[in-house]
Amino acid sequence: MNDAVPTVLEPARALRKLPRSTMPSWKVGQLRKQGGLCPLCKKEIDLKIKGEGVVDHDHDSGEVRGILHRSCNAAEGKVANAAGRWGAGGMSYSLIVPWLENMLEYLKSPGTGLMYHTHLTEDEKRLKRNADARKARAVRSARTIVRERKASGV
């Protein structure tokens, strides 16, 4: 599997089409090269389970990249689409990949040490849950009292 992302300046390589008839045997061989694992989640792919392993390809060039779990392939597509539409400024992998690399670097970097003003700490969440539960009990109790008074004619 080629991990290098082609840039706009690199000439396109001549790709050989993978015939549909050879797809099943190719998948087995490729999965063996991948050590039986999905490159994204690093978990085992069982080709005996229908639809578990799918052939992933670059939507710009059509080049096959490898075998992924169906769910990992869907996630890759959704992430690439979101990054291309909202962050990278275009749908080309040559734009998306550097943007995602920058995002990973940003997410791995240390924070500022400050907490966002609306974020609740675990203690604040607990206190809020308890207050909400007290309020719900009081409302249920009041409804019960009103129902009982109506029933007794008071």
C-alpha atoms as a PDB file:
ATOM      1  CA  MET A   1       0.000   0.000   0.000  1.00  0.00           C
ATOM      2  CA  ASN A   2       1.426   3.358  -0.981  1.00  0.00           C
ATOM      3  CA  ASP A   3       1.172   5.853   1.897  1.00  0.00           C
ATOM      4  CA  ALA A   4       2.466   8.769  -0.145  1.00  0.00           C
ATOM      5  CA  VAL A   5      -0.139  11.285  -1.195  1.00  0.00           C
ATOM      6  CA  PRO A   6       0.476  12.578  -4.715  1.00  0.00           C
ATOM      7  CA  THR A   7       0.759  16.319  -5.034  1.00  0.00           C
ATOM      8  CA  VAL A   8      -0.665  18.327  -7.882  1.00  0.00           C
ATOM      9  CA  LEU A   9       2.848  18.591  -9.385  1.00  0.00           C
ATOM     10  CA  GLU A  10       3.528  14.834  -9.568  1.00  0.00           C
ATOM     11  CA  PRO A  11       2.750  13.206 -12.902  1.00  0.00           C
ATOM     12  CA  ALA A  12      -0.036  10.621 -12.797  1.00  0.00           C
ATOM     13  CA  ARG A  13       1.169   7.022 -12.777  1.00  0.00           C
ATOM     14  CA  ALA A  14      -0.195   4.584 -15.286  1.00  0.00           C
ATOM     15  CA  LEU A  15      -2.634   2.424 -13.361  1.00  0.00           C
ATOM     16  CA  ARG A  16      -3.674  -1.067 -14.355  1.00  0.00           C
ATOM     17  CA  LYS A  17      -7.396  -1.846 -13.997  1.00  0.00           C
ATOM     18  CA  LEU A  18      -8.278  -4.585 -11.549  1.00  0.00           C
ATOM     19  CA  PRO A  19     -10.831  -6.779 -13.356  1.00  0.00           C
ATOM     20  CA  ARG A  20     -14.005  -7.500 -11.403  1.00  0.00           C
ATOM     21  CA  SER A  21     -13.491 -11.242 -11.974  1.00  0.00           C
ATOM     22  CA  THR A  22     -10.173 -11.190 -10.068  1.00  0.00           C
ATOM     23  CA  MET A  23     -11.464  -9.038  -7.203  1.00  0.00           C
ATOM     24  CA  PRO A  24     -12.166 -11.893  -4.709  1.00  0.00           C
ATOM     25  CA  SER A  25      -8.722 -13.476  -5.042  1.00  0.00           C
ATOM     26  CA  TRP A  26      -7.031 -10.049  -5.077  1.00  0.00           C
ATOM     27  CA  LYS A  27      -8.821  -9.128  -1.826  1.00  0.00           C
ATOM     28  CA  VAL A  28      -7.487 -12.278  -0.141  1.00  0.00           C
ATOM     29  CA  GLY A  29      -3.918 -11.546  -1.286  1.00  0.00           C
ATOM     30  CA  GLN A  30      -4.107  -7.862  -0.349  1.00  0.00           C
ATOM     31  CA  LEU A  31      -5.543  -8.647   3.065  1.00  0.00           C
ATOM     32  CA  ARG A  32      -2.657 -11.080   3.619  1.00  0.00           C
ATOM     33  CA  LYS A  33      -0.219  -8.219   2.738  1.00  0.00           C
ATOM     34  CA  GLN A  34      -2.028  -6.070   5.318  1.00  0.00           C
ATOM     35  CA  GLY A  35      -1.497  -8.759   7.966  1.00  0.00           C
ATOM     36  CA  GLY A  36      -5.235  -9.477   8.034  1.00  0.00           C
ATOM     37  CA  LEU A  37      -5.917  -6.069   9.597  1.00  0.00           C
ATOM     38  CA  CYS A  38      -7.825  -2.971   8.591  1.00  0.00           C
ATOM     39  CA  PRO A  39      -5.280  -0.141   8.157  1.00  0.00           C
ATOM     40  CA  LEU A  40      -7.587   2.342   9.918  1.00  0.00           C
ATOM     41  CA  CYS A  41      -8.833   0.559  13.048  1.00  0.00           C
ATOM     42  CA  LYS A  42      -6.076  -2.102  13.160  1.00  0.00           C
ATOM     43  CA  LYS A  43      -8.678  -4.820  13.830  1.00  0.00           C
ATOM     44  CA  GLU A  44      -8.971  -8.114  11.982  1.00  0.00           C
ATOM     45  CA  ILE A  45     -11.038  -8.274   8.802  1.00  0.00           C
ATOM     46  CA  ASP A  46     -12.856 -11.578   8.268  1.00  0.00           C
ATOM     47  CA  LEU A  47     -13.622 -11.986   4.556  1.00  0.00           C
ATOM     48  CA  LYS A  48     -15.878 -14.953   5.410  1.00  0.00           C
ATOM     49  CA  ILE A  49     -18.366 -12.405   6.758  1.00  0.00           C
ATOM     50  CA  LYS A  50     -20.243 -11.023   3.757  1.00  0.00           C
ATOM     51  CA  GLY A  51     -19.472  -7.353   3.177  1.00  0.00           C
ATOM     52  CA  GLU A  52     -17.007  -6.961   6.062  1.00  0.00           C
ATOM     53  CA  GLY A  53     -13.961  -6.246   3.900  1.00  0.00           C
ATOM     54  CA  VAL A  54     -14.331  -3.729   1.076  1.00  0.00           C
ATOM     55  CA  VAL A  55     -11.904  -2.456  -1.540  1.00  0.00           C
ATOM     56  CA  ASP A  56     -11.038   1.173  -0.800  1.00  0.00           C
ATOM     57  CA  HIS A  57      -9.950   3.472  -3.599  1.00  0.00           C
ATOM     58  CA  ASP A  58      -8.882   7.060  -4.205  1.00  0.00           C
ATOM     59  CA  HIS A  59     -11.826   8.919  -5.717  1.00  0.00           C
ATOM     60  CA  ASP A  60      -9.505  11.314  -7.555  1.00  0.00           C
ATOM     61  CA  SER A  61      -7.386   8.754  -9.414  1.00  0.00           C
ATOM     62  CA  GLY A  62      -9.323   5.509  -8.972  1.00  0.00           C
ATOM     63  CA  GLU A  63      -6.221   3.873  -7.470  1.00  0.00           C
ATOM     64  CA  VAL A  64      -6.990   1.040  -5.081  1.00  0.00           C
ATOM     65  CA  ARG A  65      -5.476   1.668  -1.632  1.00  0.00           C
ATOM     66  CA  GLY A  66      -6.367  -1.493   0.243  1.00  0.00           C
ATOM     67  CA  ILE A  67      -9.026  -3.453   2.101  1.00  0.00           C
ATOM     68  CA  LEU A  68     -10.962  -1.739   4.908  1.00  0.00           C
ATOM     69  CA  HIS A  69     -13.857  -2.689   7.140  1.00  0.00           C
ATOM     70  CA  ARG A  70     -17.067  -1.455   5.516  1.00  0.00           C
ATOM     71  CA  SER A  71     -17.646   0.899   8.470  1.00  0.00           C
ATOM     72  CA  CYS A  72     -14.064   2.244   8.323  1.00  0.00           C
ATOM     73  CA  ASN A  73     -14.449   2.848   4.576  1.00  0.00           C
ATOM     74  CA  ALA A  74     -17.673   4.775   5.219  1.00  0.00           C
ATOM     75  CA  ALA A  75     -15.997   6.789   7.979  1.00  0.00           C
ATOM     76  CA  GLU A  76     -13.040   7.628   5.706  1.00  0.00           C
ATOM     77  CA  GLY A  77     -15.433   8.888   3.054  1.00  0.00           C
ATOM     78  CA  LYS A  78     -17.425  10.981   5.511  1.00  0.00           C
ATOM     79  CA  VAL A  79     -14.273  12.511   7.033  1.00  0.00           C
ATOM     80  CA  ALA A  80     -12.799  13.279   3.605  1.00  0.00           C
ATOM     81  CA  ASN A  81     -16.072  14.865   2.457  1.00  0.00           C
ATOM     82  CA  ALA A  82     -16.413  16.961   5.624  1.00  0.00           C
ATOM     83  CA  ALA A  83     -12.775  18.094   5.488  1.00  0.00           C
ATOM     84  CA  GLY A  84     -12.996  18.917   1.800  1.00  0.00           C
ATOM     85  CA  ARG A  85     -16.227  20.872   2.078  1.00  0.00           C
ATOM     86  CA  TRP A  86     -15.617  22.756   5.317  1.00  0.00           C
ATOM     87  CA  GLY A  87     -11.890  22.960   5.957  1.00  0.00           C
ATOM     88  CA  ALA A  88      -9.532  22.101   3.149  1.00  0.00           C
ATOM     89  CA  GLY A  89     -11.049  24.349   0.506  1.00  0.00           C
ATOM     90  CA  GLY A  90     -11.684  21.592  -2.042  1.00  0.00           C
ATOM     91  CA  MET A  91     -12.484  17.927  -2.541  1.00  0.00           C
ATOM     92  CA  SER A  92      -9.081  16.861  -3.877  1.00  0.00           C
ATOM     93  CA  TYR A  93      -7.009  14.570  -1.651  1.00  0.00           C
ATOM     94  CA  SER A  94      -4.032  16.863  -2.332  1.00  0.00           C
ATOM     95  CA  LEU A  95      -5.947  19.518  -0.355  1.00  0.00           C
ATOM     96  CA  ILE A  96      -7.695  17.265   2.165  1.00  0.00           C
ATOM     97  CA  VAL A  97      -4.688  15.249   3.399  1.00  0.00           C
ATOM     98  CA  PRO A  98      -2.487  18.220   4.430  1.00  0.00           C
ATOM     99  CA  TRP A  99      -5.498  19.819   6.158  1.00  0.00           C
ATOM    100  CA  LEU A 100      -6.175  16.588   8.095  1.00  0.00           C
ATOM    101  CA  GLU A 101      -2.479  16.299   9.008  1.00  0.00           C
ATOM    102  CA  ASN A 102      -2.607  19.870  10.339  1.00  0.00           C
ATOM    103  CA  MET A 103      -5.773  19.038  12.250  1.00  0.00           C
ATOM    104  CA  LEU A 104      -4.133  15.985  13.866  1.00  0.00           C
ATOM    105  CA  GLU A 105      -1.088  18.059  14.831  1.00  0.00           C
ATOM    106  CA  TYR A 106      -3.405  20.709  16.314  1.00  0.00           C
ATOM    107  CA  LEU A 107      -5.452  18.151  18.290  1.00  0.00           C
ATOM    108  CA  LYS A 108      -2.289  16.535  19.681  1.00  0.00           C
ATOM    109  CA  SER A 109      -0.841  19.844  20.839  1.00  0.00           C
ATOM    110  CA  PRO A 110      -1.276  20.951  24.477  1.00  0.00           C
ATOM    111  CA  GLY A 111      -4.218  23.168  25.312  1.00  0.00           C
ATOM    112  CA  THR A 112      -4.203  26.587  26.977  1.00  0.00           C
ATOM    113  CA  GLY A 113      -5.066  25.399  30.488  1.00  0.00           C
ATOM    114  CA  LEU A 114      -8.360  27.308  30.388  1.00  0.00           C
ATOM    115  CA  MET A 115     -11.863  25.808  30.386  1.00  0.00           C
ATOM    116  CA  TYR A 116     -14.637  26.947  28.047  1.00  0.00           C
ATOM    117  CA  HIS A 117     -17.197  29.036  29.970  1.00  0.00           C
ATOM    118  CA  THR A 118     -20.231  26.773  29.364  1.00  0.00           C
ATOM    119  CA  HIS A 119     -18.407  23.459  29.955  1.00  0.00           C
ATOM    120  CA  LEU A 120     -19.365  21.715  33.189  1.00  0.00           C
ATOM    121  CA  THR A 121     -16.868  19.855  35.347  1.00  0.00           C
ATOM    122  CA  GLU A 122     -17.794  16.324  36.483  1.00  0.00           C
ATOM    123  CA  ASP A 123     -18.810  17.737  39.908  1.00  0.00           C
ATOM    124  CA  GLU A 124     -20.971  20.410  38.273  1.00  0.00           C
ATOM    125  CA  LYS A 125     -22.627  17.748  36.079  1.00  0.00           C
ATOM    126  CA  ARG A 126     -23.361  15.617  39.151  1.00  0.00           C
ATOM    127  CA  LEU A 127     -24.842  18.566  41.061  1.00  0.00           C
ATOM    128  CA  LYS A 128     -26.997  19.480  38.046  1.00  0.00           C
ATOM    129  CA  ARG A 129     -28.249  15.867  37.694  1.00  0.00           C
ATOM    130  CA  ASN A 130     -29.133  15.810  41.395  1.00  0.00           C
ATOM    131  CA  ALA A 131     -30.938  19.178  41.194  1.00  0.00           C
ATOM    132  CA  ASP A 132     -32.855  18.042  38.092  1.00  0.00           C
ATOM    133  CA  ALA A 133     -33.841  14.803  39.855  1.00  0.00           C
ATOM    134  CA  ARG A 134     -35.043  16.730  42.955  1.00  0.00           C
ATOM    135  CA  LYS A 135     -37.122  19.010  40.738  1.00  0.00           C
ATOM    136  CA  ALA A 136     -38.643  16.045  38.852  1.00  0.00           C
ATOM    137  CA  ARG A 137     -39.543  14.350  42.167  1.00  0.00           C
ATOM    138  CA  ALA A 138     -41.170  17.566  43.418  1.00  0.00           C
ATOM    139  CA  VAL A 139     -43.235  17.894  40.216  1.00  0.00           C
ATOM    140  CA  ARG A 140     -44.374  14.239  40.470  1.00  0.00           C
ATOM    141  CA  SER A 141     -45.237  14.734  44.137  1.00  0.00           C
ATOM    142  CA  ALA A 142     -47.234  17.910  43.401  1.00  0.00           C
ATOM    143  CA  ARG A 143     -49.162  16.170  40.612  1.00  0.00           C
ATOM    144  CA  THR A 144     -49.984  13.287  42.936  1.00  0.00           C
ATOM    145  CA  ILE A 145     -51.259  15.705  45.619  1.00  0.00           C
ATOM    146  CA  VAL A 146     -53.421  17.591  43.072  1.00  0.00           C
ATOM    147  CA  ARG A 147     -54.845  14.280  41.741  1.00  0.00           C
ATOM    148  CA  GLU A 148     -55.645  13.076  45.278  1.00  0.00           C
ATOM    149  CA  ARG A 149     -57.355  16.385  46.180  1.00  0.00           C
ATOM    150  CA  LYS A 150     -59.471  16.258  43.006  1.00  0.00           C
ATOM    151  CA  ALA A 151     -60.417  12.661  43.738  1.00  0.00           C
ATOM    152  CA  SER A 152     -61.452  13.513  47.325  1.00  0.00           C
ATOM    153  CA  GLY A 153     -63.384  16.606  46.196  1.00  0.00           C
ATOM    154  CA  VAL A 154     -61.339  19.115  48.173  1.00  0.00           C
END
